[in-house]
Protein backbone atom coordinates (compact mmCIF):
# COMPACT_ATOMS: atom_id res chain seq x y z
CA VAL A 1 13.88 5.09 -8.83
CA GLN A 2 13.26 2.34 -6.30
CA LEU A 3 10.42 1.61 -3.79
CA GLN A 4 11.38 -0.32 -0.72
CA ALA A 5 8.06 -1.34 1.41
CA PHE A 6 8.61 -2.53 5.37
CA GLY A 7 6.90 -3.10 8.14
CA GLY A 8 5.24 -6.49 7.52
CA GLY A 9 5.24 -9.57 9.92
CA LEU A 10 3.12 -11.32 12.10
CA VAL A 11 -0.23 -10.38 14.24
CA GLN A 12 -3.01 -11.57 15.74
CA ALA A 13 -6.68 -11.09 14.30
CA GLY A 14 -7.90 -7.59 15.24
CA GLY A 15 -4.39 -6.60 15.52
CA SER A 16 -2.68 -3.43 13.92
CA LEU A 17 -0.15 -2.89 11.93
CA ARG A 18 1.73 0.11 9.68
CA LEU A 19 3.54 -0.37 6.38
CA SER A 20 5.88 1.99 5.03
CA CYS A 21 6.75 2.62 1.31
CA ALA A 22 10.08 4.33 0.72
CA ALA A 23 10.80 6.05 -2.52
CA SER A 24 14.69 6.28 -3.40
CA GLY A 25 17.26 7.05 -6.23
CA ARG A 26 16.40 9.79 -8.70
CA THR A 27 14.65 12.58 -6.93
CA PHE A 28 11.15 12.15 -8.17
CA PHE A 29 7.64 13.31 -7.48
CA PHE A 30 4.84 10.60 -7.81
CA ASN A 31 1.53 11.72 -8.64
CA VAL A 32 -0.19 8.98 -7.18
CA MET A 33 0.73 6.35 -4.68
CA GLY A 34 -1.08 3.32 -3.93
CA TRP A 35 -1.14 -0.48 -1.86
CA PHE A 36 -1.28 -3.73 -3.92
CA ARG A 37 -1.64 -7.36 -1.76
CA GLN A 38 -1.44 -10.71 -3.48
CA ALA A 39 -2.25 -13.72 -1.08
CA PRO A 40 -1.29 -16.93 -2.28
CA GLY A 41 -2.98 -18.42 -5.23
CA LYS A 42 -4.73 -14.96 -5.67
CA GLU A 43 -4.50 -12.42 -8.04
CA ARG A 44 -3.22 -8.68 -6.97
CA GLU A 45 -5.73 -6.86 -5.71
CA PHE A 46 -5.86 -2.99 -4.92
CA ILE A 47 -6.41 -1.96 -1.33
CA ALA A 48 -5.76 1.72 -1.69
CA ALA A 49 -4.45 4.85 -3.64
CA ILE A 50 -3.70 8.29 -2.37
CA ASN A 51 -3.13 11.73 -4.78
CA TRP A 52 -0.19 13.61 -4.14
CA ASN A 53 -1.47 16.15 -1.85
CA GLY A 54 -3.61 13.38 0.29
CA SER A 55 -6.72 15.17 -0.85
CA THR A 56 -8.20 12.19 -2.61
CA THR A 57 -8.00 8.35 -1.52
CA SER A 58 -9.34 5.22 -2.95
CA TYR A 59 -9.87 2.27 -0.86
CA ALA A 60 -11.13 -1.30 -1.48
CA ASP A 61 -14.47 -2.14 -0.04
CA SER A 62 -12.39 -5.00 1.74
CA VAL A 63 -10.21 -2.69 3.76
CA LYS A 64 -12.63 0.82 3.76
CA GLY A 65 -13.00 1.83 7.36
CA ARG A 66 -9.72 -0.31 8.62
CA PHE A 67 -6.99 0.97 6.62
CA THR A 68 -5.64 4.21 5.88
CA ILE A 69 -3.41 5.32 3.61
CA SER A 70 -1.40 8.53 4.01
CA ARG A 71 2.21 10.03 2.73
CA ASP A 72 4.88 12.23 3.66
CA ASN A 73 6.03 13.98 0.57
CA ALA A 74 9.46 15.42 2.22
CA LYS A 75 10.21 12.30 3.33
CA ASN A 76 8.94 10.14 -0.31
CA THR A 77 7.17 7.74 1.86
CA VAL A 78 3.50 6.10 1.75
CA TYR A 79 1.94 4.59 4.93
CA LEU A 80 -0.68 2.22 5.39
CA GLN A 81 -2.33 2.20 8.47
CA MET A 82 -4.11 -1.39 8.98
CA ASN A 83 -6.14 -1.99 12.05
CA SER A 84 -8.76 -4.56 13.26
CA LEU A 85 -6.75 -6.79 11.00
CA LYS A 86 -8.36 -9.97 9.53
CA LEU A 87 -7.34 -13.98 8.51
CA GLU A 88 -8.04 -13.01 5.18
CA ASP A 89 -5.31 -9.63 5.27
CA THR A 90 -2.69 -12.00 4.92
CA ALA A 91 -1.03 -11.74 2.05
CA VAL A 92 2.14 -10.35 0.40
CA TYR A 93 1.89 -6.15 0.27
CA TYR A 94 3.20 -4.38 -2.71
CA CYS A 95 3.51 -0.32 -2.84
CA ALA A 96 3.02 1.19 -6.35
CA ALA A 97 3.55 4.37 -8.01
CA ARG A 98 2.59 6.44 -10.86
CA ASN A 99 3.32 9.57 -12.56
CA ARG A 100 0.10 10.34 -14.48
CA GLY A 101 -3.49 10.80 -13.39
CA SER A 102 -5.44 10.68 -10.05
CA THR A 103 -6.09 7.37 -8.05
CA ALA A 104 -6.56 4.28 -9.99
CA ILE A 105 -7.49 0.49 -8.91
CA ALA A 106 -5.62 -1.54 -11.94
CA THR A 107 -1.85 -2.93 -11.65
CA THR A 108 -1.63 -1.66 -15.27
CA ASP A 109 -1.93 2.02 -14.12
CA TYR A 110 0.90 2.03 -12.27
CA ASP A 111 4.44 2.71 -13.32
CA TYR A 112 7.35 1.81 -10.28
CA TRP A 113 6.58 -1.43 -7.71
CA GLY A 114 8.14 -2.44 -4.20
CA GLN A 115 9.38 -5.82 -3.53
CA GLY A 116 6.44 -6.38 -1.21
CA THR A 117 6.25 -7.08 2.80
CA GLN A 118 4.59 -10.23 4.23
CA VAL A 119 1.78 -9.59 6.64
CA THR A 120 0.40 -12.68 8.17
CA VAL A 121 -2.69 -12.67 10.54
CA SER A 122 -3.30 -15.28 12.58
CA SER A 123 -5.88 -16.70 14.93
């Protein structure tokens, strides 16, 4: 199973980006999918997570009201819509998936990881 994240890029502060993460390989249904990010010199941090049918979502306080996570199970894809981007949102963004439990915020709670996509917010 592979997770492929894409959609990152360079955007001005206040702008928007949408990240996508597609699962491929062995057909697999992930109970929970999430997004994390890691800025240079910092720990990888939780951003958002969504359960299997989208009925439960979790967000970090730093992105609440600006970012929206969603998923399309028919496409095995999870999305992260990022609006009102700030300089401090600059980071490598990773998607992750787990097969058990509900939405979770620790990196150790996730079983599969994508390769990351760079998001750079400029002033």
